């Protein structure tokens, strides 16, 4: 069973930046497409970025050009660089496989507010 631990969230003003990290247990991380998801209060969880084992990335239009997903396979760690943050980016952020098939971690809260 893969264990996921997210960190790096916090309170940031609109236009600011944050970098999230996710560490994953197990060797399956290296061969898996990984994703960052978010869930705002009262809304469904949504996918905001994916990265394949080879480094190809994909983003929905809502974050394209602002968010950058990356991975360090040697450290079993996934990152999400978030720039030009908006209030609508406020949510709990989670990492998982690209299809969300593993047990969810506790996530990390990101709040964008002045």
C-alpha atoms as a PDB file:
ATOM      1  CA  UNK A   1       0.000   0.000   0.000  1.00  0.00           C
ATOM      2  CA  UNK A   2       1.351   3.391  -0.992  1.00  0.00           C
ATOM      3  CA  UNK A   3       1.421   6.037   1.713  1.00  0.00           C
ATOM      4  CA  UNK A   4       1.241   9.666   0.636  1.00  0.00           C
ATOM      5  CA  UNK A   5       2.231  12.692   2.716  1.00  0.00           C
ATOM      6  CA  UNK A   6       1.603  16.197   1.410  1.00  0.00           C
ATOM      7  CA  UNK A   7       3.168  19.381   2.775  1.00  0.00           C
ATOM      8  CA  UNK A   8       3.902  22.978   1.911  1.00  0.00           C
ATOM      9  CA  UNK A   9       0.487  24.574   2.064  1.00  0.00           C
ATOM     10  CA  UNK A  10      -0.330  27.797   3.829  1.00  0.00           C
ATOM     11  CA  UNK A  11      -1.880  31.232   3.608  1.00  0.00           C
ATOM     12  CA  UNK A  12      -0.746  33.392   0.690  1.00  0.00           C
ATOM     13  CA  UNK A  13      -1.940  36.642  -0.835  1.00  0.00           C
ATOM     14  CA  UNK A  14      -3.386  36.748  -4.350  1.00  0.00           C
ATOM     15  CA  UNK A  15      -0.567  36.777  -6.876  1.00  0.00           C
ATOM     16  CA  UNK A  16       1.747  34.914  -4.542  1.00  0.00           C
ATOM     17  CA  UNK A  17       3.442  31.551  -4.881  1.00  0.00           C
ATOM     18  CA  UNK A  18       3.671  28.287  -2.978  1.00  0.00           C
ATOM     19  CA  UNK A  19       5.502  25.034  -3.546  1.00  0.00           C
ATOM     20  CA  UNK A  20       3.836  21.831  -2.436  1.00  0.00           C
ATOM     21  CA  UNK A  21       5.628  18.553  -1.838  1.00  0.00           C
ATOM     22  CA  UNK A  22       4.418  14.983  -1.642  1.00  0.00           C
ATOM     23  CA  UNK A  23       6.432  12.017  -0.511  1.00  0.00           C
ATOM     24  CA  UNK A  24       5.336   8.525  -1.432  1.00  0.00           C
ATOM     25  CA  UNK A  25       6.351   5.197   0.014  1.00  0.00           C
ATOM     26  CA  UNK A  26       7.191   2.227  -2.175  1.00  0.00           C
ATOM     27  CA  UNK A  27       8.944   1.662  -5.455  1.00  0.00           C
ATOM     28  CA  UNK A  28       5.792   1.960  -7.539  1.00  0.00           C
ATOM     29  CA  UNK A  29       6.163   5.756  -7.470  1.00  0.00           C
ATOM     30  CA  UNK A  30       8.949   5.627 -10.040  1.00  0.00           C
ATOM     31  CA  UNK A  31       6.866   3.887 -12.702  1.00  0.00           C
ATOM     32  CA  UNK A  32       3.583   5.659 -12.028  1.00  0.00           C
ATOM     33  CA  UNK A  33       1.920   8.662 -13.556  1.00  0.00           C
ATOM     34  CA  UNK A  34       1.387  11.003 -10.627  1.00  0.00           C
ATOM     35  CA  UNK A  35      -1.124  13.756 -10.095  1.00  0.00           C
ATOM     36  CA  UNK A  36      -2.043  16.669  -7.892  1.00  0.00           C
ATOM     37  CA  UNK A  37      -5.703  17.074  -7.021  1.00  0.00           C
ATOM     38  CA  UNK A  38      -7.590  19.674  -5.032  1.00  0.00           C
ATOM     39  CA  UNK A  39     -10.897  19.878  -3.251  1.00  0.00           C
ATOM     40  CA  UNK A  40     -12.468  23.172  -2.337  1.00  0.00           C
ATOM     41  CA  UNK A  41     -15.078  23.373   0.415  1.00  0.00           C
ATOM     42  CA  UNK A  42     -18.368  22.027  -0.844  1.00  0.00           C
ATOM     43  CA  UNK A  43     -16.961  20.972  -4.207  1.00  0.00           C
ATOM     44  CA  UNK A  44     -15.795  17.746  -5.770  1.00  0.00           C
ATOM     45  CA  UNK A  45     -12.145  16.816  -5.907  1.00  0.00           C
ATOM     46  CA  UNK A  46     -10.548  17.852  -9.208  1.00  0.00           C
ATOM     47  CA  UNK A  47      -7.326  16.992 -10.977  1.00  0.00           C
ATOM     48  CA  UNK A  48      -4.987  19.966 -11.446  1.00  0.00           C
ATOM     49  CA  UNK A  49      -1.804  18.437 -12.844  1.00  0.00           C
ATOM     50  CA  UNK A  50      -0.276  15.141 -13.944  1.00  0.00           C
ATOM     51  CA  UNK A  51       3.249  14.010 -14.744  1.00  0.00           C
ATOM     52  CA  UNK A  52       4.170  10.702 -16.341  1.00  0.00           C
ATOM     53  CA  UNK A  53       7.115   8.560 -15.287  1.00  0.00           C
ATOM     54  CA  UNK A  54       8.970  10.074 -18.235  1.00  0.00           C
ATOM     55  CA  UNK A  55       8.230  13.647 -17.247  1.00  0.00           C
ATOM     56  CA  UNK A  56       5.409  14.615 -19.602  1.00  0.00           C
ATOM     57  CA  UNK A  57       2.966  16.989 -17.953  1.00  0.00           C
ATOM     58  CA  UNK A  58      -0.645  17.980 -18.405  1.00  0.00           C
ATOM     59  CA  UNK A  59      -2.838  20.680 -16.862  1.00  0.00           C
ATOM     60  CA  UNK A  60      -6.431  21.843 -17.107  1.00  0.00           C
ATOM     61  CA  UNK A  61      -6.978  25.335 -18.477  1.00  0.00           C
ATOM     62  CA  UNK A  62      -7.754  26.675 -14.994  1.00  0.00           C
ATOM     63  CA  UNK A  63      -4.108  26.329 -13.890  1.00  0.00           C
ATOM     64  CA  UNK A  64      -2.190  26.109 -17.159  1.00  0.00           C
ATOM     65  CA  UNK A  65       0.650  28.608 -17.248  1.00  0.00           C
ATOM     66  CA  UNK A  66       0.520  29.113 -13.477  1.00  0.00           C
ATOM     67  CA  UNK A  67       1.179  25.667 -11.974  1.00  0.00           C
ATOM     68  CA  UNK A  68       4.167  23.422 -12.645  1.00  0.00           C
ATOM     69  CA  UNK A  69       4.267  19.768 -11.619  1.00  0.00           C
ATOM     70  CA  UNK A  70       7.574  17.964 -11.281  1.00  0.00           C
ATOM     71  CA  UNK A  71       9.002  14.856  -9.708  1.00  0.00           C
ATOM     72  CA  UNK A  72      12.228  13.568  -8.209  1.00  0.00           C
ATOM     73  CA  UNK A  73      12.181   9.801  -8.593  1.00  0.00           C
ATOM     74  CA  UNK A  74      15.354   9.387  -6.536  1.00  0.00           C
ATOM     75  CA  UNK A  75      13.520  10.913  -3.579  1.00  0.00           C
ATOM     76  CA  UNK A  76      10.056   9.479  -4.311  1.00  0.00           C
ATOM     77  CA  UNK A  77       8.824  13.055  -4.179  1.00  0.00           C
ATOM     78  CA  UNK A  78       6.292  14.984  -6.230  1.00  0.00           C
ATOM     79  CA  UNK A  79       6.156  18.788  -6.373  1.00  0.00           C
ATOM     80  CA  UNK A  80       3.671  21.423  -7.400  1.00  0.00           C
ATOM     81  CA  UNK A  81       4.940  24.956  -7.953  1.00  0.00           C
ATOM     82  CA  UNK A  82       1.975  27.306  -7.841  1.00  0.00           C
ATOM     83  CA  UNK A  83       2.406  30.854  -9.111  1.00  0.00           C
ATOM     84  CA  UNK A  84       0.040  33.788  -9.614  1.00  0.00           C
ATOM     85  CA  UNK A  85      -2.320  32.271  -7.097  1.00  0.00           C
ATOM     86  CA  UNK A  86      -5.962  33.313  -7.108  1.00  0.00           C
ATOM     87  CA  UNK A  87      -8.615  33.113  -4.386  1.00  0.00           C
ATOM     88  CA  UNK A  88     -10.312  30.361  -6.393  1.00  0.00           C
ATOM     89  CA  UNK A  89      -7.208  28.197  -5.914  1.00  0.00           C
ATOM     90  CA  UNK A  90      -8.114  27.900  -2.240  1.00  0.00           C
ATOM     91  CA  UNK A  91      -8.549  24.203  -1.471  1.00  0.00           C
ATOM     92  CA  UNK A  92      -7.010  21.173   0.173  1.00  0.00           C
ATOM     93  CA  UNK A  93      -4.395  19.770  -2.188  1.00  0.00           C
ATOM     94  CA  UNK A  94      -3.647  16.071  -2.479  1.00  0.00           C
ATOM     95  CA  UNK A  95      -1.263  13.929  -4.459  1.00  0.00           C
ATOM     96  CA  UNK A  96      -2.032  10.460  -5.780  1.00  0.00           C
ATOM     97  CA  UNK A  97      -1.541   8.326  -8.820  1.00  0.00           C
ATOM     98  CA  UNK A  98      -2.831  10.000 -11.942  1.00  0.00           C
ATOM     99  CA  UNK A  99      -6.121   8.136 -11.597  1.00  0.00           C
ATOM    100  CA  UNK A 100      -6.392   8.550  -7.832  1.00  0.00           C
ATOM    101  CA  UNK A 101      -6.332   4.819  -7.168  1.00  0.00           C
ATOM    102  CA  UNK A 102      -4.315   4.854  -3.945  1.00  0.00           C
ATOM    103  CA  UNK A 103      -5.470   5.684  -0.435  1.00  0.00           C
ATOM    104  CA  UNK A 104      -5.652   9.446  -0.045  1.00  0.00           C
ATOM    105  CA  UNK A 105      -3.349  11.260   2.346  1.00  0.00           C
ATOM    106  CA  UNK A 106      -4.513  14.054   4.605  1.00  0.00           C
ATOM    107  CA  UNK A 107      -3.675  16.750   2.075  1.00  0.00           C
ATOM    108  CA  UNK A 108      -2.318  20.236   2.638  1.00  0.00           C
ATOM    109  CA  UNK A 109      -4.480  23.354   2.923  1.00  0.00           C
ATOM    110  CA  UNK A 110      -3.835  26.238   0.548  1.00  0.00           C
ATOM    111  CA  UNK A 111      -5.628  29.491   1.294  1.00  0.00           C
ATOM    112  CA  UNK A 112      -5.339  32.444  -1.068  1.00  0.00           C
ATOM    113  CA  UNK A 113      -6.647  35.574   0.552  1.00  0.00           C
ATOM    114  CA  UNK A 114      -5.727  39.168   1.214  1.00  0.00           C
END
